[in-house]
Amino acid sequence: MTGTVRTPPTRPGLSAARRPPVETGDRSVVSCLVVRGRTIQPAPGDTLIGRSSRCPIVIDDMLASRVHAMLTVSDNVVLLADLESMNGVYLNETRVTRPVPLRDGDRIFIGSTELSFFMMDLRAAVREASGSSEDETRKRCSDLPPVSELPTDKAEVLERLGKLADRAFAEGRVDTAKRLLADHMGAILEGARGGRQVPDDVLRAAAEYGFKLAAATSEGAWIDLVVELHMIARRPLPATVLDGIAPLLASVTTWDPELFVMYQAVLAGVAPAMSAANQALCSRICALRPHR
């Protein structure tokens, strides 16, 4: 991008080291956008940003698409996504190619319009405006609704990305779905390789989307990712994907059968300590013949 970057005076730009992620259990802290002098608190859920009057956040800019971007606010994360706009979305002067979590102090560029994202401490605002003491301020803010907390795992982010990917799959935009999920799926596997425990809901979602990507792209690497992730976790694949695994293994020819055999060996060793339901899943997996 060219030209002088102008940060709204209400929120000076912060260095990466000083920009913490959205992380608070404090109900008095809310996420806000500053857009051309207006301060907007995005509502929970999906908020469209664009030139169209049907967007909750309207950008009066001829370089902006009618529906340009989407902000997703959940209990755990605030995500920014480009909705395949003509001129793109830039976060801190880097083009957004997949949904990304926002951090306090981030600057968003849509067309020639700059938006500033920050976390506002309502207690401080109330205290400054009213001259109240700390105790009085805390009492006045005690009824505020709960807001963002940093997720302790990747389940929330994967769920949000998965919804966007499902929409892309339904519209036949496989490359978009792949772009949405690839980095995050890879990060989950790298975390598991590094010794991080992967929760069951993350494993289940990773298996479902990994197999969807394998079926849509015919790329065996997605099968390998799911198999390795479950092998490291010593968990069976979920029943939701097992029903369709045999035809998938037959139709996709580039996955690693030796890795699958290793996975079967791991399951055979740990299955006796599992519940009856998981033992049944392990038996189904071990009965498969992975060699092509």
C-alpha atoms as a PDB file:
ATOM      1  CA  MET A   1       0.000   0.000   0.000  1.00  0.00           C
ATOM      2  CA  THR A   2       1.179   3.544  -0.637  1.00  0.00           C
ATOM      3  CA  GLY A   3       0.640   6.875   1.003  1.00  0.00           C
ATOM      4  CA  THR A   4       0.828   8.054   4.568  1.00  0.00           C
ATOM      5  CA  VAL A   5      -0.725   5.821   7.200  1.00  0.00           C
ATOM      6  CA  ARG A   6      -2.970   7.817   9.512  1.00  0.00           C
ATOM      7  CA  THR A   7      -3.961   6.231  12.801  1.00  0.00           C
ATOM      8  CA  PRO A   8      -7.020   7.733  14.550  1.00  0.00           C
ATOM      9  CA  PRO A   9      -5.871   9.967  17.405  1.00  0.00           C
ATOM     10  CA  THR A  10      -8.081   8.007  19.810  1.00  0.00           C
ATOM     11  CA  ARG A  11      -5.777   5.003  19.484  1.00  0.00           C
ATOM     12  CA  PRO A  12      -2.077   5.364  18.604  1.00  0.00           C
ATOM     13  CA  GLY A  13      -0.571   2.468  16.663  1.00  0.00           C
ATOM     14  CA  LEU A  14       1.232  -0.010  18.882  1.00  0.00           C
ATOM     15  CA  SER A  15       4.227  -2.199  18.128  1.00  0.00           C
ATOM     16  CA  ALA A  16       3.680  -5.943  17.745  1.00  0.00           C
ATOM     17  CA  ALA A  17       5.341  -6.557  21.102  1.00  0.00           C
ATOM     18  CA  ARG A  18       2.909  -4.214  22.838  1.00  0.00           C
ATOM     19  CA  ARG A  19      -0.246  -5.471  21.129  1.00  0.00           C
ATOM     20  CA  PRO A  20      -1.647  -8.271  23.287  1.00  0.00           C
ATOM     21  CA  PRO A  21      -4.303 -10.569  21.821  1.00  0.00           C
ATOM     22  CA  VAL A  22      -7.918 -10.225  22.895  1.00  0.00           C
ATOM     23  CA  GLU A  23      -7.623 -11.737  26.351  1.00  0.00           C
ATOM     24  CA  THR A  24      -9.797 -10.841  29.274  1.00  0.00           C
ATOM     25  CA  GLY A  25     -12.254 -12.377  31.657  1.00  0.00           C
ATOM     26  CA  ASP A  26     -13.171  -8.883  32.794  1.00  0.00           C
ATOM     27  CA  ARG A  27     -16.760  -8.106  31.814  1.00  0.00           C
ATOM     28  CA  SER A  28     -16.004  -4.392  31.699  1.00  0.00           C
ATOM     29  CA  VAL A  29     -13.640  -4.702  28.727  1.00  0.00           C
ATOM     30  CA  VAL A  30     -15.212  -4.589  25.238  1.00  0.00           C
ATOM     31  CA  SER A  31     -13.902  -4.631  21.675  1.00  0.00           C
ATOM     32  CA  CYS A  32     -14.323  -1.444  19.634  1.00  0.00           C
ATOM     33  CA  LEU A  33     -13.672  -0.079  16.152  1.00  0.00           C
ATOM     34  CA  VAL A  34     -12.896   3.531  15.369  1.00  0.00           C
ATOM     35  CA  VAL A  35     -14.114   4.404  11.846  1.00  0.00           C
ATOM     36  CA  ARG A  36     -13.587   7.999  10.712  1.00  0.00           C
ATOM     37  CA  GLY A  37     -14.107   9.400  14.165  1.00  0.00           C
ATOM     38  CA  ARG A  38     -16.968   7.056  15.112  1.00  0.00           C
ATOM     39  CA  THR A  39     -16.473   4.470  17.846  1.00  0.00           C
ATOM     40  CA  ILE A  40     -18.452   1.274  17.188  1.00  0.00           C
ATOM     41  CA  GLN A  41     -18.841  -1.727  19.471  1.00  0.00           C
ATOM     42  CA  PRO A  42     -19.441  -4.769  17.181  1.00  0.00           C
ATOM     43  CA  ALA A  43     -22.266  -7.033  18.306  1.00  0.00           C
ATOM     44  CA  PRO A  44     -21.639 -10.714  19.089  1.00  0.00           C
ATOM     45  CA  GLY A  45     -21.766 -12.902  15.988  1.00  0.00           C
ATOM     46  CA  ASP A  46     -21.071 -11.933  12.381  1.00  0.00           C
ATOM     47  CA  THR A  47     -20.969  -8.253  11.370  1.00  0.00           C
ATOM     48  CA  LEU A  48     -20.680  -7.322   7.685  1.00  0.00           C
ATOM     49  CA  ILE A  49     -18.543  -4.359   6.654  1.00  0.00           C
ATOM     50  CA  GLY A  50     -18.928  -2.687   3.267  1.00  0.00           C
ATOM     51  CA  ARG A  51     -20.401   0.026   1.098  1.00  0.00           C
ATOM     52  CA  SER A  52     -23.924  -1.424   1.082  1.00  0.00           C
ATOM     53  CA  SER A  53     -26.487   0.088   3.420  1.00  0.00           C
ATOM     54  CA  ARG A  54     -27.399  -3.427   4.551  1.00  0.00           C
ATOM     55  CA  CYS A  55     -24.010  -3.765   6.241  1.00  0.00           C
ATOM     56  CA  PRO A  56     -24.118  -2.930   9.969  1.00  0.00           C
ATOM     57  CA  ILE A  57     -20.792  -1.114   9.488  1.00  0.00           C
ATOM     58  CA  VAL A  58     -21.041   1.025   6.346  1.00  0.00           C
ATOM     59  CA  ILE A  59     -17.829   2.217   4.678  1.00  0.00           C
ATOM     60  CA  ASP A  60     -18.541   5.231   2.433  1.00  0.00           C
ATOM     61  CA  ASP A  61     -15.620   4.540   0.117  1.00  0.00           C
ATOM     62  CA  MET A  62     -15.762   3.853  -3.634  1.00  0.00           C
ATOM     63  CA  LEU A  63     -12.802   1.466  -3.289  1.00  0.00           C
ATOM     64  CA  ALA A  64     -14.809  -0.703  -0.903  1.00  0.00           C
ATOM     65  CA  SER A  65     -16.996  -3.525  -2.184  1.00  0.00           C
ATOM     66  CA  ARG A  66     -20.679  -3.505  -1.333  1.00  0.00           C
ATOM     67  CA  VAL A  67     -20.050  -6.387   1.077  1.00  0.00           C
ATOM     68  CA  HIS A  68     -16.326  -6.247   1.703  1.00  0.00           C
ATOM     69  CA  ALA A  69     -15.365  -7.916   4.974  1.00  0.00           C
ATOM     70  CA  MET A  70     -16.806  -9.623   8.015  1.00  0.00           C
ATOM     71  CA  LEU A  71     -16.031  -9.285  11.694  1.00  0.00           C
ATOM     72  CA  THR A  72     -16.948 -12.263  13.874  1.00  0.00           C
ATOM     73  CA  VAL A  73     -17.187 -11.623  17.622  1.00  0.00           C
ATOM     74  CA  SER A  74     -17.494 -14.665  19.890  1.00  0.00           C
ATOM     75  CA  ASP A  75     -16.872 -15.321  23.580  1.00  0.00           C
ATOM     76  CA  ASN A  76     -13.250 -16.175  22.874  1.00  0.00           C
ATOM     77  CA  VAL A  77     -12.001 -14.408  19.766  1.00  0.00           C
ATOM     78  CA  VAL A  78     -12.615 -11.573  17.299  1.00  0.00           C
ATOM     79  CA  LEU A  79     -11.976 -12.670  13.696  1.00  0.00           C
ATOM     80  CA  LEU A  80     -11.542 -10.510  10.594  1.00  0.00           C
ATOM     81  CA  ALA A  81     -12.246 -12.068   7.170  1.00  0.00           C
ATOM     82  CA  ASP A  82     -12.117 -10.752   3.602  1.00  0.00           C
ATOM     83  CA  LEU A  83     -15.288 -11.692   1.710  1.00  0.00           C
ATOM     84  CA  GLU A  84     -13.473 -11.954  -1.632  1.00  0.00           C
ATOM     85  CA  SER A  85     -13.566  -8.197  -2.096  1.00  0.00           C
ATOM     86  CA  MET A  86     -12.192  -6.539  -5.229  1.00  0.00           C
ATOM     87  CA  ASN A  87      -9.435  -4.569  -3.489  1.00  0.00           C
ATOM     88  CA  GLY A  88      -8.794  -6.772  -0.487  1.00  0.00           C
ATOM     89  CA  VAL A  89      -8.555  -6.187   3.246  1.00  0.00           C
ATOM     90  CA  TYR A  90      -5.286  -5.193   4.883  1.00  0.00           C
ATOM     91  CA  LEU A  91      -4.392  -5.739   8.525  1.00  0.00           C
ATOM     92  CA  ASN A  92      -1.443  -3.622   9.646  1.00  0.00           C
ATOM     93  CA  GLU A  93      -0.550  -3.196   5.943  1.00  0.00           C
ATOM     94  CA  THR A  94      -0.516  -6.969   5.271  1.00  0.00           C
ATOM     95  CA  ARG A  95      -3.232  -8.358   3.008  1.00  0.00           C
ATOM     96  CA  VAL A  96      -5.680 -10.690   4.749  1.00  0.00           C
ATOM     97  CA  THR A  97      -5.834 -14.027   2.901  1.00  0.00           C
ATOM     98  CA  ARG A  98      -7.687 -15.997   5.566  1.00  0.00           C
ATOM     99  CA  PRO A  99      -9.693 -15.137   8.705  1.00  0.00           C
ATOM    100  CA  VAL A 100      -7.328 -13.771  11.344  1.00  0.00           C
ATOM    101  CA  PRO A 101      -7.802 -12.993  15.048  1.00  0.00           C
ATOM    102  CA  LEU A 102      -7.530  -9.318  15.920  1.00  0.00           C
ATOM    103  CA  ARG A 103      -5.218  -7.887  18.546  1.00  0.00           C
ATOM    104  CA  ASP A 104      -5.488  -4.767  20.618  1.00  0.00           C
ATOM    105  CA  GLY A 105      -4.135  -1.856  18.570  1.00  0.00           C
ATOM    106  CA  ASP A 106      -4.597  -3.463  15.130  1.00  0.00           C
ATOM    107  CA  ARG A 107      -5.222  -1.227  12.114  1.00  0.00           C
ATOM    108  CA  ILE A 108      -7.578  -2.420   9.352  1.00  0.00           C
ATOM    109  CA  PHE A 109      -7.573  -0.917   5.849  1.00  0.00           C
ATOM    110  CA  ILE A 110     -10.615  -1.234   3.554  1.00  0.00           C
ATOM    111  CA  GLY A 111     -10.228   0.761   0.355  1.00  0.00           C
ATOM    112  CA  SER A 112      -8.857   4.124   1.447  1.00  0.00           C
ATOM    113  CA  THR A 113     -10.541   3.854   4.843  1.00  0.00           C
ATOM    114  CA  GLU A 114      -8.671   2.968   8.018  1.00  0.00           C
ATOM    115  CA  LEU A 115     -10.344   1.303  10.991  1.00  0.00           C
ATOM    116  CA  SER A 116      -8.668   1.005  14.371  1.00  0.00           C
ATOM    117  CA  PHE A 117      -9.407  -1.977  16.597  1.00  0.00           C
ATOM    118  CA  PHE A 118      -8.874  -1.792  20.337  1.00  0.00           C
ATOM    119  CA  MET A 119     -10.124  -3.043  23.656  1.00  0.00           C
ATOM    120  CA  MET A 120     -11.891  -0.434  25.778  1.00  0.00           C
ATOM    121  CA  ASP A 121     -11.882  -0.589  29.553  1.00  0.00           C
ATOM    122  CA  LEU A 122     -15.351   0.690  30.443  1.00  0.00           C
ATOM    123  CA  ARG A 123     -14.419   1.042  34.089  1.00  0.00           C
ATOM    124  CA  ALA A 124     -11.707   3.514  33.173  1.00  0.00           C
ATOM    125  CA  ALA A 125     -14.097   5.381  30.877  1.00  0.00           C
ATOM    126  CA  VAL A 126     -16.788   5.570  33.544  1.00  0.00           C
ATOM    127  CA  ARG A 127     -14.276   6.622  36.174  1.00  0.00           C
ATOM    128  CA  GLU A 128     -12.851   9.361  33.957  1.00  0.00           C
ATOM    129  CA  ALA A 129     -16.276  10.673  32.934  1.00  0.00           C
ATOM    130  CA  SER A 130     -17.864  10.612  36.370  1.00  0.00           C
ATOM    131  CA  GLY A 131     -14.960  11.068  38.731  1.00  0.00           C
ATOM    132  CA  SER A 132     -16.051   7.900  40.553  1.00  0.00           C
ATOM    133  CA  SER A 133     -13.751   5.969  42.830  1.00  0.00           C
ATOM    134  CA  GLU A 134     -12.416   2.519  41.835  1.00  0.00           C
ATOM    135  CA  ASP A 135     -14.980   0.768  44.080  1.00  0.00           C
ATOM    136  CA  GLU A 136     -17.874   2.840  42.739  1.00  0.00           C
ATOM    137  CA  THR A 137     -16.786   2.216  39.171  1.00  0.00           C
ATOM    138  CA  ARG A 138     -16.492  -1.532  39.711  1.00  0.00           C
ATOM    139  CA  LYS A 139     -20.029  -1.592  41.119  1.00  0.00           C
ATOM    140  CA  ARG A 140     -21.437   0.405  38.180  1.00  0.00           C
ATOM    141  CA  CYS A 141     -19.810  -2.004  35.707  1.00  0.00           C
ATOM    142  CA  SER A 142     -20.787  -5.225  37.506  1.00  0.00           C
ATOM    143  CA  ASP A 143     -23.850  -5.826  35.316  1.00  0.00           C
ATOM    144  CA  LEU A 144     -22.058  -5.601  31.989  1.00  0.00           C
ATOM    145  CA  PRO A 145     -22.359  -8.673  29.724  1.00  0.00           C
ATOM    146  CA  PRO A 146     -19.372 -11.031  29.488  1.00  0.00           C
ATOM    147  CA  VAL A 147     -16.883 -10.360  26.701  1.00  0.00           C
ATOM    148  CA  SER A 148     -13.784 -11.814  25.102  1.00  0.00           C
ATOM    149  CA  GLU A 149     -11.397 -14.355  26.549  1.00  0.00           C
ATOM    150  CA  LEU A 150      -8.457 -15.845  24.722  1.00  0.00           C
ATOM    151  CA  PRO A 151      -9.235 -19.464  23.807  1.00  0.00           C
ATOM    152  CA  THR A 152      -7.214 -22.046  25.727  1.00  0.00           C
ATOM    153  CA  ASP A 153      -7.247 -24.268  22.625  1.00  0.00           C
ATOM    154  CA  LYS A 154      -8.044 -23.919  18.937  1.00  0.00           C
ATOM    155  CA  ALA A 155     -11.603 -25.267  19.035  1.00  0.00           C
ATOM    156  CA  GLU A 156     -13.349 -21.882  18.832  1.00  0.00           C
ATOM    157  CA  VAL A 157     -11.207 -20.630  15.965  1.00  0.00           C
ATOM    158  CA  LEU A 158     -11.543 -23.896  14.017  1.00  0.00           C
ATOM    159  CA  GLU A 159     -15.314 -23.812  14.506  1.00  0.00           C
ATOM    160  CA  ARG A 160     -15.511 -20.287  13.094  1.00  0.00           C
ATOM    161  CA  LEU A 161     -13.209 -21.054  10.186  1.00  0.00           C
ATOM    162  CA  GLY A 162     -15.112 -24.272   9.537  1.00  0.00           C
ATOM    163  CA  LYS A 163     -18.393 -22.411   9.128  1.00  0.00           C
ATOM    164  CA  LEU A 164     -16.811 -20.161   6.530  1.00  0.00           C
ATOM    165  CA  ALA A 165     -15.235 -23.184   4.833  1.00  0.00           C
ATOM    166  CA  ASP A 166     -18.578 -25.026   4.747  1.00  0.00           C
ATOM    167  CA  ARG A 167     -20.090 -22.051   2.950  1.00  0.00           C
ATOM    168  CA  ALA A 168     -17.223 -22.115   0.449  1.00  0.00           C
ATOM    169  CA  PHE A 169     -17.623 -25.882  -0.100  1.00  0.00           C
ATOM    170  CA  ALA A 170     -21.354 -25.435  -0.712  1.00  0.00           C
ATOM    171  CA  GLU A 171     -20.632 -22.769  -3.336  1.00  0.00           C
ATOM    172  CA  GLY A 172     -17.975 -24.883  -5.051  1.00  0.00           C
ATOM    173  CA  ARG A 173     -15.105 -22.616  -3.950  1.00  0.00           C
ATOM    174  CA  VAL A 174     -12.744 -25.388  -2.871  1.00  0.00           C
ATOM    175  CA  ASP A 175      -9.605 -23.227  -3.069  1.00  0.00           C
ATOM    176  CA  THR A 176     -11.195 -20.725  -0.700  1.00  0.00           C
ATOM    177  CA  ALA A 177     -12.108 -23.470   1.777  1.00  0.00           C
ATOM    178  CA  LYS A 178      -8.561 -24.802   1.578  1.00  0.00           C
ATOM    179  CA  ARG A 179      -7.096 -21.359   2.141  1.00  0.00           C
ATOM    180  CA  LEU A 180      -9.347 -20.825   5.153  1.00  0.00           C
ATOM    181  CA  LEU A 181      -8.367 -24.064   6.871  1.00  0.00           C
ATOM    182  CA  ALA A 182      -4.811 -24.882   5.789  1.00  0.00           C
ATOM    183  CA  ASP A 183      -2.766 -22.732   8.155  1.00  0.00           C
ATOM    184  CA  HIS A 184      -4.905 -23.478  11.168  1.00  0.00           C
ATOM    185  CA  MET A 185      -4.969 -27.237  10.557  1.00  0.00           C
ATOM    186  CA  GLY A 186      -1.207 -27.192  10.134  1.00  0.00           C
ATOM    187  CA  ALA A 187      -0.800 -25.234  13.363  1.00  0.00           C
ATOM    188  CA  ILE A 188      -2.850 -27.821  15.267  1.00  0.00           C
ATOM    189  CA  LEU A 189      -0.613 -30.625  13.989  1.00  0.00           C
ATOM    190  CA  GLU A 190       2.551 -28.695  14.816  1.00  0.00           C
ATOM    191  CA  GLY A 191       1.241 -28.098  18.312  1.00  0.00           C
ATOM    192  CA  ALA A 192       0.577 -31.811  18.750  1.00  0.00           C
ATOM    193  CA  ARG A 193       4.068 -32.638  17.487  1.00  0.00           C
ATOM    194  CA  GLY A 194       5.428 -30.206  20.059  1.00  0.00           C
ATOM    195  CA  GLY A 195       3.657 -32.000  22.897  1.00  0.00           C
ATOM    196  CA  ARG A 196       0.531 -29.903  23.220  1.00  0.00           C
ATOM    197  CA  GLN A 197      -2.568 -31.872  24.196  1.00  0.00           C
ATOM    198  CA  VAL A 198      -5.273 -31.616  21.553  1.00  0.00           C
ATOM    199  CA  PRO A 199      -8.840 -31.619  22.969  1.00  0.00           C
ATOM    200  CA  ASP A 200     -11.340 -34.133  21.617  1.00  0.00           C
ATOM    201  CA  ASP A 201     -13.528 -31.458  19.989  1.00  0.00           C
ATOM    202  CA  VAL A 202     -10.522 -30.136  18.068  1.00  0.00           C
ATOM    203  CA  LEU A 203      -9.599 -33.662  16.964  1.00  0.00           C
ATOM    204  CA  ARG A 204     -13.135 -34.299  15.778  1.00  0.00           C
ATOM    205  CA  ALA A 205     -13.351 -31.048  13.814  1.00  0.00           C
ATOM    206  CA  ALA A 206      -9.885 -31.548  12.325  1.00  0.00           C
ATOM    207  CA  ALA A 207     -10.850 -35.044  11.166  1.00  0.00           C
ATOM    208  CA  GLU A 208     -14.085 -33.890   9.573  1.00  0.00           C
ATOM    209  CA  TYR A 209     -12.561 -30.922   7.735  1.00  0.00           C
ATOM    210  CA  GLY A 210      -9.383 -32.780   6.828  1.00  0.00           C
ATOM    211  CA  PHE A 211     -11.392 -35.522   5.140  1.00  0.00           C
ATOM    212  CA  LYS A 212     -13.635 -32.954   3.443  1.00  0.00           C
ATOM    213  CA  LEU A 213     -10.540 -31.302   2.010  1.00  0.00           C
ATOM    214  CA  ALA A 214      -9.103 -34.658   0.918  1.00  0.00           C
ATOM    215  CA  ALA A 215     -12.323 -35.548  -0.878  1.00  0.00           C
ATOM    216  CA  ALA A 216     -12.638 -32.137  -2.538  1.00  0.00           C
ATOM    217  CA  THR A 217      -8.991 -31.749  -3.589  1.00  0.00           C
ATOM    218  CA  SER A 218      -7.877 -35.397  -3.985  1.00  0.00           C
ATOM    219  CA  GLU A 219      -4.799 -34.434  -1.949  1.00  0.00           C
ATOM    220  CA  GLY A 220      -3.657 -37.269   0.289  1.00  0.00           C
ATOM    221  CA  ALA A 221      -1.721 -34.897   2.530  1.00  0.00           C
ATOM    222  CA  TRP A 222      -4.996 -34.049   4.284  1.00  0.00           C
ATOM    223  CA  ILE A 223      -5.557 -37.713   5.143  1.00  0.00           C
ATOM    224  CA  ASP A 224      -1.981 -37.941   6.428  1.00  0.00           C
ATOM    225  CA  LEU A 225      -2.488 -34.838   8.585  1.00  0.00           C
ATOM    226  CA  VAL A 226      -5.605 -36.285  10.218  1.00  0.00           C
ATOM    227  CA  VAL A 227      -4.031 -39.718  10.730  1.00  0.00           C
ATOM    228  CA  GLU A 228      -0.826 -38.322  12.234  1.00  0.00           C
ATOM    229  CA  LEU A 229      -2.757 -35.985  14.517  1.00  0.00           C
ATOM    230  CA  HIS A 230      -4.854 -38.860  15.878  1.00  0.00           C
ATOM    231  CA  MET A 231      -1.820 -41.132  16.151  1.00  0.00           C
ATOM    232  CA  ILE A 232      -0.003 -38.553  18.298  1.00  0.00           C
ATOM    233  CA  ALA A 233      -3.134 -38.109  20.416  1.00  0.00           C
ATOM    234  CA  ARG A 234      -3.626 -41.893  20.599  1.00  0.00           C
ATOM    235  CA  ARG A 235      -7.277 -41.486  19.788  1.00  0.00           C
ATOM    236  CA  PRO A 236      -9.516 -43.247  17.239  1.00  0.00           C
ATOM    237  CA  LEU A 237     -10.980 -41.352  14.323  1.00  0.00           C
ATOM    238  CA  PRO A 238     -14.551 -40.214  15.091  1.00  0.00           C
ATOM    239  CA  ALA A 239     -17.489 -42.267  13.898  1.00  0.00           C
ATOM    240  CA  THR A 240     -18.644 -39.332  11.752  1.00  0.00           C
ATOM    241  CA  VAL A 241     -15.721 -39.868   9.376  1.00  0.00           C
ATOM    242  CA  LEU A 242     -15.299 -43.636   9.628  1.00  0.00           C
ATOM    243  CA  ASP A 243     -18.451 -44.334   7.623  1.00  0.00           C
ATOM    244  CA  GLY A 244     -16.907 -42.739   4.561  1.00  0.00           C
ATOM    245  CA  ILE A 245     -13.255 -43.568   5.054  1.00  0.00           C
ATOM    246  CA  ALA A 246     -13.009 -46.690   2.875  1.00  0.00           C
ATOM    247  CA  PRO A 247     -14.198 -45.037  -0.360  1.00  0.00           C
ATOM    248  CA  LEU A 248     -12.058 -41.975   0.422  1.00  0.00           C
ATOM    249  CA  LEU A 249      -8.916 -44.088   0.842  1.00  0.00           C
ATOM    250  CA  ALA A 250      -9.737 -45.796  -2.430  1.00  0.00           C
ATOM    251  CA  SER A 251     -10.366 -42.619  -4.430  1.00  0.00           C
ATOM    252  CA  VAL A 252      -7.416 -40.571  -3.152  1.00  0.00           C
ATOM    253  CA  THR A 253      -4.127 -42.178  -4.161  1.00  0.00           C
ATOM    254  CA  THR A 254      -1.452 -39.948  -2.649  1.00  0.00           C
ATOM    255  CA  TRP A 255      -1.803 -40.620   1.083  1.00  0.00           C
ATOM    256  CA  ASP A 256       0.805 -42.570   3.097  1.00  0.00           C
ATOM    257  CA  PRO A 257      -0.282 -46.169   3.851  1.00  0.00           C
ATOM    258  CA  GLU A 258       2.779 -46.787   6.078  1.00  0.00           C
ATOM    259  CA  LEU A 259       1.710 -43.938   8.332  1.00  0.00           C
ATOM    260  CA  PHE A 260      -1.748 -45.486   8.537  1.00  0.00           C
ATOM    261  CA  VAL A 261      -0.264 -48.876   9.537  1.00  0.00           C
ATOM    262  CA  MET A 262       1.717 -47.148  12.289  1.00  0.00           C
ATOM    263  CA  TYR A 263      -1.513 -45.519  13.470  1.00  0.00           C
ATOM    264  CA  GLN A 264      -3.243 -48.895  13.555  1.00  0.00           C
ATOM    265  CA  ALA A 265      -0.384 -50.325  15.641  1.00  0.00           C
ATOM    266  CA  VAL A 266      -0.664 -47.460  18.131  1.00  0.00           C
ATOM    267  CA  LEU A 267      -4.420 -47.974  18.466  1.00  0.00           C
ATOM    268  CA  ALA A 268      -3.998 -51.723  18.982  1.00  0.00           C
ATOM    269  CA  GLY A 269      -1.725 -50.991  21.922  1.00  0.00           C
ATOM    270  CA  VAL A 270      -3.889 -48.389  23.665  1.00  0.00           C
ATOM    271  CA  ALA A 271      -7.374 -49.712  22.878  1.00  0.00           C
ATOM    272  CA  PRO A 272      -7.652 -52.053  25.903  1.00  0.00           C
ATOM    273  CA  ALA A 273      -7.577 -49.054  28.249  1.00  0.00           C
ATOM    274  CA  MET A 274     -10.347 -47.231  26.361  1.00  0.00           C
ATOM    275  CA  SER A 275     -14.106 -47.197  26.783  1.00  0.00           C
ATOM    276  CA  ALA A 276     -16.166 -49.827  24.980  1.00  0.00           C
ATOM    277  CA  ALA A 277     -17.312 -47.242  22.407  1.00  0.00           C
ATOM    278  CA  ASN A 278     -13.761 -46.180  21.584  1.00  0.00           C
ATOM    279  CA  GLN A 279     -12.620 -49.798  21.489  1.00  0.00           C
ATOM    280  CA  ALA A 280     -15.257 -50.430  18.824  1.00  0.00           C
ATOM    281  CA  LEU A 281     -13.928 -47.469  16.796  1.00  0.00           C
ATOM    282  CA  CYS A 282     -10.386 -48.789  17.141  1.00  0.00           C
ATOM    283  CA  SER A 283     -11.512 -52.216  15.899  1.00  0.00           C
ATOM    284  CA  ARG A 284     -13.099 -50.640  12.830  1.00  0.00           C
ATOM    285  CA  ILE A 285      -9.935 -48.697  12.049  1.00  0.00           C
ATOM    286  CA  CYS A 286      -7.638 -51.673  12.592  1.00  0.00           C
ATOM    287  CA  ALA A 287      -9.795 -53.785  10.271  1.00  0.00           C
ATOM    288  CA  LEU A 288      -9.091 -51.470   7.340  1.00  0.00           C
ATOM    289  CA  ARG A 289      -6.536 -52.558   4.728  1.00  0.00           C
ATOM    290  CA  PRO A 290      -4.588 -49.391   3.976  1.00  0.00           C
ATOM    291  CA  HIS A 291      -2.165 -50.789   1.388  1.00  0.00           C
ATOM    292  CA  ARG A 292      -3.116 -49.614  -2.082  1.00  0.00           C
END
